[in-house]
């Protein structure tokens, strides 16, 4: 029986061809690697604080998903409430944020001064989605409805990450 397989391209030639095509595409597109997101410059401590909250939203999102999968609506409510502002969740911890720094401003005041207005509206929209998740779970909504809300919250997260990037300031 004759060999009907296609002739094999030698690996070194294939690697060189792949690299050449990749380099040509990179040179042709030019700005393909530039970051066009709006830069938000924050002091390192404020940037770290905001990143910590983003991780909390991710944990809350995963917790809501786990609660729906386990059909545990109490867990859904608990996890959705993690996205509440600190002043509501833990007023004593929030007092630390209200300590004034060397500029005489509190963390919320510093951050509000540099955050774009559209960022604030996205944050409020995302929190509203999570609060609606908690309310729906309390009222006995089915898992599909809660997952639709979770999808809406995550769409806001994705849009925000596509629009903005956080950069620590010098010092």
Protein backbone atom coordinates (compact mmCIF):
# COMPACT_ATOMS: atom_id res chain seq x y z
CA UNK A 1 0.00 0.00 0.00
CA UNK A 2 1.47 3.38 -0.98
CA UNK A 3 2.20 6.05 1.68
CA UNK A 4 -0.55 8.70 1.29
CA UNK A 5 0.58 10.95 4.12
CA UNK A 6 1.46 14.52 3.34
CA UNK A 7 5.15 15.27 3.19
CA UNK A 8 6.37 16.64 6.50
CA UNK A 9 7.85 20.12 6.63
CA UNK A 10 11.15 20.04 8.49
CA UNK A 11 10.82 21.63 11.95
CA UNK A 12 13.64 24.18 11.63
CA UNK A 13 12.07 25.58 8.47
CA UNK A 14 8.61 25.70 10.10
CA UNK A 15 9.94 27.53 13.17
CA UNK A 16 11.72 30.09 10.98
CA UNK A 17 8.62 30.62 8.86
CA UNK A 18 6.44 31.08 11.94
CA UNK A 19 8.84 33.62 13.40
CA UNK A 20 9.01 35.50 10.11
CA UNK A 21 5.22 35.70 9.81
CA UNK A 22 4.89 36.81 13.44
CA UNK A 23 7.55 39.52 12.99
CA UNK A 24 5.93 40.75 9.78
CA UNK A 25 2.53 41.02 11.49
CA UNK A 26 4.06 42.82 14.44
CA UNK A 27 5.81 45.35 12.21
CA UNK A 28 2.70 45.83 10.04
CA UNK A 29 0.36 46.54 12.96
CA UNK A 30 2.81 48.81 14.75
CA UNK A 31 0.62 49.81 17.69
CA UNK A 32 -0.87 46.38 18.32
CA UNK A 33 0.82 46.23 21.71
CA UNK A 34 0.04 49.74 22.95
CA UNK A 35 -2.24 50.09 25.95
CA UNK A 36 -5.02 52.55 25.12
CA UNK A 37 -6.81 52.30 28.46
CA UNK A 38 -7.19 55.50 30.47
CA UNK A 39 -4.46 55.68 33.08
CA UNK A 40 -5.46 56.30 36.69
CA UNK A 41 -2.47 57.32 38.79
CA UNK A 42 -2.79 56.54 42.50
CA UNK A 43 -0.40 56.52 45.45
CA UNK A 44 0.81 52.93 45.91
CA UNK A 45 -1.22 52.41 49.12
CA UNK A 46 -4.44 53.60 47.43
CA UNK A 47 -3.75 51.45 44.36
CA UNK A 48 -3.17 48.42 46.59
CA UNK A 49 -6.40 49.23 48.46
CA UNK A 50 -8.36 49.33 45.20
CA UNK A 51 -6.78 46.11 43.95
CA UNK A 52 -7.74 44.44 47.23
CA UNK A 53 -11.35 45.48 46.64
CA UNK A 54 -11.20 44.09 43.11
CA UNK A 55 -10.07 40.75 44.53
CA UNK A 56 -13.00 40.89 46.98
CA UNK A 57 -15.39 41.40 44.03
CA UNK A 58 -13.84 38.41 42.30
CA UNK A 59 -14.20 36.30 45.45
CA UNK A 60 -17.79 37.47 45.87
CA UNK A 61 -18.52 36.60 42.25
CA UNK A 62 -17.08 33.12 42.67
CA UNK A 63 -18.93 32.70 45.98
CA UNK A 64 -22.25 33.64 44.36
CA UNK A 65 -21.58 31.11 41.61
CA UNK A 66 -20.75 28.42 44.19
CA UNK A 67 -23.91 29.28 46.17
CA UNK A 68 -26.07 28.93 43.06
CA UNK A 69 -24.45 25.62 42.13
CA UNK A 70 -25.01 24.34 45.69
CA UNK A 71 -28.54 25.81 45.73
CA UNK A 72 -27.53 27.67 48.90
CA UNK A 73 -29.25 31.07 48.72
CA UNK A 74 -27.96 32.08 52.15
CA UNK A 75 -24.44 31.73 50.74
CA UNK A 76 -25.44 33.81 47.69
CA UNK A 77 -26.69 36.61 49.97
CA UNK A 78 -23.56 36.44 52.14
CA UNK A 79 -21.19 36.57 49.19
CA UNK A 80 -23.07 39.35 47.38
CA UNK A 81 -22.91 41.45 50.55
CA UNK A 82 -19.10 41.31 50.41
CA UNK A 83 -19.35 43.97 47.72
CA UNK A 84 -21.02 46.48 50.04
CA UNK A 85 -18.94 49.55 50.80
CA UNK A 86 -16.78 49.12 53.90
CA UNK A 87 -18.66 51.88 55.76
CA UNK A 88 -21.75 49.64 55.69
CA UNK A 89 -20.05 46.25 56.16
CA UNK A 90 -17.66 47.20 58.92
CA UNK A 91 -17.97 50.76 60.25
CA UNK A 92 -15.03 50.31 62.65
CA UNK A 93 -12.65 49.33 59.84
CA UNK A 94 -13.96 52.22 57.77
CA UNK A 95 -12.80 54.64 60.48
CA UNK A 96 -9.21 53.75 59.54
CA UNK A 97 -9.89 54.91 55.98
CA UNK A 98 -11.07 58.24 57.34
CA UNK A 99 -7.70 58.98 58.91
CA UNK A 100 -6.19 62.02 57.22
CA UNK A 101 -2.78 61.74 55.59
CA UNK A 102 -0.02 64.34 55.22
CA UNK A 103 -2.12 66.16 52.60
CA UNK A 104 -5.01 66.47 55.04
CA UNK A 105 -7.25 64.22 52.94
CA UNK A 106 -8.79 60.84 53.70
CA UNK A 107 -8.41 57.87 51.35
CA UNK A 108 -11.93 58.34 49.92
CA UNK A 109 -11.21 62.04 49.32
CA UNK A 110 -7.86 61.31 47.63
CA UNK A 111 -9.35 58.64 45.42
CA UNK A 112 -12.41 60.66 44.48
CA UNK A 113 -10.12 63.48 43.35
CA UNK A 114 -8.35 61.30 40.76
CA UNK A 115 -10.95 58.76 39.66
CA UNK A 116 -12.71 59.53 36.36
CA UNK A 117 -16.47 60.10 36.70
CA UNK A 118 -17.22 57.14 34.41
CA UNK A 119 -15.26 54.87 36.75
CA UNK A 120 -17.50 55.88 39.65
CA UNK A 121 -20.67 55.18 37.70
CA UNK A 122 -19.37 51.75 36.71
CA UNK A 123 -18.53 50.97 40.37
CA UNK A 124 -22.04 51.99 41.46
CA UNK A 125 -23.64 49.92 38.69
CA UNK A 126 -21.62 46.85 39.61
CA UNK A 127 -22.46 47.20 43.30
CA UNK A 128 -26.15 47.62 42.43
CA UNK A 129 -26.02 44.37 40.48
CA UNK A 130 -24.57 42.55 43.49
CA UNK A 131 -27.13 44.09 45.84
CA UNK A 132 -29.88 42.95 43.47
CA UNK A 133 -28.35 39.46 43.53
CA UNK A 134 -28.63 39.47 47.33
CA UNK A 135 -32.22 40.73 47.18
CA UNK A 136 -33.21 38.18 44.52
CA UNK A 137 -31.66 35.36 46.59
CA UNK A 138 -33.51 36.55 49.72
CA UNK A 139 -36.77 36.51 47.77
CA UNK A 140 -36.19 32.98 46.50
CA UNK A 141 -35.29 33.70 42.86
CA UNK A 142 -34.09 30.73 40.88
CA UNK A 143 -30.44 30.18 40.06
CA UNK A 144 -30.84 31.22 36.44
CA UNK A 145 -32.05 34.68 37.45
CA UNK A 146 -29.14 35.09 39.86
CA UNK A 147 -26.65 33.96 37.22
CA UNK A 148 -28.11 36.53 34.81
CA UNK A 149 -27.47 39.23 37.43
CA UNK A 150 -23.97 37.90 38.07
CA UNK A 151 -23.28 38.04 34.36
CA UNK A 152 -24.39 41.69 34.36
CA UNK A 153 -22.03 42.50 37.24
CA UNK A 154 -19.14 40.77 35.53
CA UNK A 155 -19.84 42.62 32.27
CA UNK A 156 -19.32 45.86 34.20
CA UNK A 157 -16.06 44.53 35.66
CA UNK A 158 -14.82 43.59 32.20
CA UNK A 159 -15.79 46.98 30.74
CA UNK A 160 -13.97 48.76 33.54
CA UNK A 161 -10.80 46.71 33.07
CA UNK A 162 -10.96 47.40 29.34
CA UNK A 163 -11.35 51.16 29.94
CA UNK A 164 -8.91 51.86 32.78
CA UNK A 165 -5.50 50.85 34.10
CA UNK A 166 -4.09 51.63 37.52
CA UNK A 167 -0.62 53.05 37.80
CA UNK A 168 1.15 53.74 41.09
CA UNK A 169 2.43 57.27 41.48
CA UNK A 170 6.02 58.00 42.37
CA UNK A 171 6.09 57.84 46.17
